[in-house]
C-alpha atoms as a PDB file:
ATOM      1  CA  MET A   1      -3.529   6.088 -15.907  1.00  0.00           C
ATOM      2  CA  ASP A   2      -4.408   7.682 -12.572  1.00  0.00           C
ATOM      3  CA  SER A   3      -7.546   6.246 -11.027  1.00  0.00           C
ATOM      4  CA  VAL A   4      -9.643   8.525  -8.868  1.00  0.00           C
ATOM      5  CA  ILE A   5     -11.081   6.972  -5.733  1.00  0.00           C
ATOM      6  CA  PRO A   6     -14.444   8.547  -4.811  1.00  0.00           C
ATOM      7  CA  GLU A   7     -14.877   9.937  -1.298  1.00  0.00           C
ATOM      8  CA  LYS A   8     -16.693   6.991   0.292  1.00  0.00           C
ATOM      9  CA  ALA A   9     -16.107   4.759   3.275  1.00  0.00           C
ATOM     10  CA  TYR A  10     -16.887   1.460   1.548  1.00  0.00           C
ATOM     11  CA  PHE A  11     -16.929   0.163  -2.021  1.00  0.00           C
ATOM     12  CA  ARG A  12     -18.580  -2.900  -3.532  1.00  0.00           C
ATOM     13  CA  ILE A  13     -16.531  -5.184  -5.749  1.00  0.00           C
ATOM     14  CA  GLY A  14     -18.201  -3.831  -8.903  1.00  0.00           C
ATOM     15  CA  GLU A  15     -17.159  -0.277  -8.005  1.00  0.00           C
ATOM     16  CA  VAL A  16     -13.616  -1.389  -7.223  1.00  0.00           C
ATOM     17  CA  SER A  17     -13.551  -3.281 -10.513  1.00  0.00           C
ATOM     18  CA  LYS A  18     -14.386  -0.085 -12.403  1.00  0.00           C
ATOM     19  CA  ILE A  19     -11.843   1.985 -10.458  1.00  0.00           C
ATOM     20  CA  LEU A  20      -9.084  -0.549 -11.189  1.00  0.00           C
ATOM     21  CA  SER A  21     -10.254  -1.399 -14.718  1.00  0.00           C
ATOM     22  CA  VAL A  22     -10.029  -5.121 -14.013  1.00  0.00           C
ATOM     23  CA  GLU A  23     -12.650  -7.853 -13.753  1.00  0.00           C
ATOM     24  CA  PRO A  24     -14.060  -8.764 -10.305  1.00  0.00           C
ATOM     25  CA  TYR A  25     -12.539 -12.261 -10.451  1.00  0.00           C
ATOM     26  CA  VAL A  26      -9.078 -10.636 -10.682  1.00  0.00           C
ATOM     27  CA  ILE A  27      -9.742  -8.703  -7.488  1.00  0.00           C
ATOM     28  CA  ARG A  28     -10.934 -11.863  -5.731  1.00  0.00           C
ATOM     29  CA  TYR A  29      -7.766 -13.656  -6.862  1.00  0.00           C
ATOM     30  CA  TRP A  30      -5.560 -10.823  -5.612  1.00  0.00           C
ATOM     31  CA  GLU A  31      -7.321 -11.090  -2.241  1.00  0.00           C
ATOM     32  CA  THR A  32      -6.127 -14.676  -1.942  1.00  0.00           C
ATOM     33  CA  GLU A  33      -2.552 -13.786  -2.931  1.00  0.00           C
ATOM     34  CA  PHE A  34      -2.087 -10.480  -1.107  1.00  0.00           C
ATOM     35  CA  LYS A  35      -3.171 -10.796   2.516  1.00  0.00           C
ATOM     36  CA  THR A  36      -3.108  -7.020   3.037  1.00  0.00           C
ATOM     37  CA  VAL A  37      -6.414  -6.738   1.159  1.00  0.00           C
ATOM     38  CA  LYS A  38      -9.146  -7.781   3.574  1.00  0.00           C
ATOM     39  CA  PRO A  39     -12.629  -6.635   2.595  1.00  0.00           C
ATOM     40  CA  VAL A  40     -15.360  -6.559   5.223  1.00  0.00           C
ATOM     41  CA  ARG A  41     -18.241  -8.971   4.638  1.00  0.00           C
ATOM     42  CA  THR A  42     -21.889  -7.972   5.011  1.00  0.00           C
ATOM     43  CA  LYS A  43     -24.543 -10.313   6.420  1.00  0.00           C
ATOM     44  CA  ALA A  44     -25.303 -11.254   2.821  1.00  0.00           C
ATOM     45  CA  ALA A  45     -21.592 -12.149   2.379  1.00  0.00           C
ATOM     46  CA  GLN A  46     -20.952  -9.255  -0.012  1.00  0.00           C
ATOM     47  CA  ARG A  47     -17.454  -7.813  -0.011  1.00  0.00           C
ATOM     48  CA  LEU A  48     -17.077  -4.193   1.094  1.00  0.00           C
ATOM     49  CA  TYR A  49     -13.667  -2.678   0.455  1.00  0.00           C
ATOM     50  CA  ARG A  50     -12.338   0.196   2.542  1.00  0.00           C
ATOM     51  CA  ARG A  51     -10.396   3.054   0.979  1.00  0.00           C
ATOM     52  CA  LYS A  52      -7.079   1.563   2.163  1.00  0.00           C
ATOM     53  CA  ASP A  53      -7.991  -1.727   0.440  1.00  0.00           C
ATOM     54  CA  VAL A  54      -8.675   0.112  -2.824  1.00  0.00           C
ATOM     55  CA  GLU A  55      -5.381   2.022  -2.521  1.00  0.00           C
ATOM     56  CA  GLU A  56      -3.541  -1.252  -1.893  1.00  0.00           C
ATOM     57  CA  LEU A  57      -5.244  -2.818  -4.911  1.00  0.00           C
ATOM     58  CA  LEU A  58      -4.214   0.154  -7.054  1.00  0.00           C
ATOM     59  CA  THR A  59      -0.624  -0.364  -5.940  1.00  0.00           C
ATOM     60  CA  ILE A  60      -0.863  -4.077  -6.729  1.00  0.00           C
ATOM     61  CA  ARG A  61      -2.327  -3.359 -10.164  1.00  0.00           C
ATOM     62  CA  ASN A  62       0.492  -0.901 -10.855  1.00  0.00           C
ATOM     63  CA  LEU A  63       3.153  -3.412  -9.819  1.00  0.00           C
ATOM     64  CA  LEU A  64       1.639  -6.212 -11.901  1.00  0.00           C
ATOM     65  CA  TYR A  65       0.456  -4.362 -15.013  1.00  0.00           C
ATOM     66  CA  GLN A  66       2.692  -1.287 -15.386  1.00  0.00           C
ATOM     67  CA  GLN A  67       5.919  -2.441 -13.753  1.00  0.00           C
ATOM     68  CA  ARG A  68       5.441  -6.049 -14.943  1.00  0.00           C
ATOM     69  CA  PHE A  69       6.224  -7.792 -11.634  1.00  0.00           C
ATOM     70  CA  THR A  70       5.203 -11.388 -11.076  1.00  0.00           C
ATOM     71  CA  ILE A  71       2.880 -12.121  -8.145  1.00  0.00           C
ATOM     72  CA  SER A  72       5.806 -13.165  -5.931  1.00  0.00           C
ATOM     73  CA  GLY A  73       7.859 -10.196  -7.113  1.00  0.00           C
ATOM     74  CA  ALA A  74       4.981  -7.837  -6.328  1.00  0.00           C
ATOM     75  CA  LYS A  75       4.699  -9.326  -2.819  1.00  0.00           C
ATOM     76  CA  LYS A  76       8.402  -8.701  -2.224  1.00  0.00           C
ATOM     77  CA  GLN A  77       8.149  -5.168  -3.631  1.00  0.00           C
ATOM     78  CA  LEU A  78       5.194  -4.382  -1.353  1.00  0.00           C
ATOM     79  CA  LEU A  79       7.242  -5.528   1.642  1.00  0.00           C
ATOM     80  CA  LYS A  80      10.137  -3.312   0.542  1.00  0.00           C
ATOM     81  CA  MET A  81       7.790  -0.363   0.055  1.00  0.00           C
ATOM     82  CA  ARG A  82       6.440  -0.772   3.593  1.00  0.00           C
ATOM     83  CA  GLU A  83       9.879  -1.080   5.170  1.00  0.00           C
ATOM     84  CA  ALA A  84      11.660   1.686   3.233  1.00  0.00           C
ATOM     85  CA  PRO A  85      10.015   4.761   4.837  1.00  0.00           C
ATOM     86  CA  GLU A  86      10.789   3.495   8.333  1.00  0.00           C
ATOM     87  CA  GLU A  87      14.435   2.883   7.484  1.00  0.00           C
ATOM     88  CA  GLU A  88      14.754   6.329   5.956  1.00  0.00           C
ATOM     89  CA  SER A  89      13.192   8.000   8.970  1.00  0.00           C
ATOM     90  CA  TYR A  90      15.613   6.164  11.288  1.00  0.00           C
ATOM     91  CA  LEU A  91      18.532   7.319   9.202  1.00  0.00           C
ATOM     92  CA  ASP A  92      17.231  10.893   9.232  1.00  0.00           C
ATOM     93  CA  LYS A  93      16.847  10.743  13.003  1.00  0.00           C
ATOM     94  CA  LEU A  94      20.358   9.375  13.435  1.00  0.00           C
ATOM     95  CA  VAL A  95      21.795  12.163  11.286  1.00  0.00           C
ATOM     96  CA  LEU A  96      19.959  14.772  13.384  1.00  0.00           C
ATOM     97  CA  ILE A  97      21.140  13.150  16.623  1.00  0.00           C
ATOM     98  CA  LYS A  98      24.733  13.100  15.372  1.00  0.00           C
ATOM     99  CA  LYS A  99      24.569  16.795  14.438  1.00  0.00           C
ATOM    100  CA  GLU A 100      23.077  17.661  17.809  1.00  0.00           C
ATOM    101  CA  LEU A 101      25.737  15.672  19.666  1.00  0.00           C
ATOM    102  CA  LYS A 102      28.490  17.410  17.701  1.00  0.00           C
ATOM    103  CA  ARG A 103      26.921  20.773  18.551  1.00  0.00           C
ATOM    104  CA  ILE A 104      26.777  19.861  22.237  1.00  0.00           C
ATOM    105  CA  ARG A 105      30.375  18.616  22.205  1.00  0.00           C
ATOM    106  CA  LYS A 106      31.470  21.872  20.587  1.00  0.00           C
ATOM    107  CA  MET A 107      29.636  23.892  23.273  1.00  0.00           C
ATOM    108  CA  MET A 108      31.340  21.924  26.048  1.00  0.00           C
ATOM    109  CA  SER A 109      34.889  22.357  24.717  1.00  0.00           C
END
């Protein structure tokens, strides 16, 4: 099920609850477990979630409900997901550098 995130800067917990199709207490629990979700608090202490928080919560929900990870497994998977693109880009850069060096070496011989 693909959830559509409305074009807004901030979301209240009730809105996020509807987007994720989970109860608000689940979202509050995930906040305590996954430190990457940090809603802003208003003067009245209401939580306001940014778009990146909602996207992170969607990823967490997917890992827990669709892919059936445990909380600790989901934490590890999130870390892997954050590290993987950087590693790939380094490898891509190294491959390009190697090709360029070979081309230069060929020009010089």
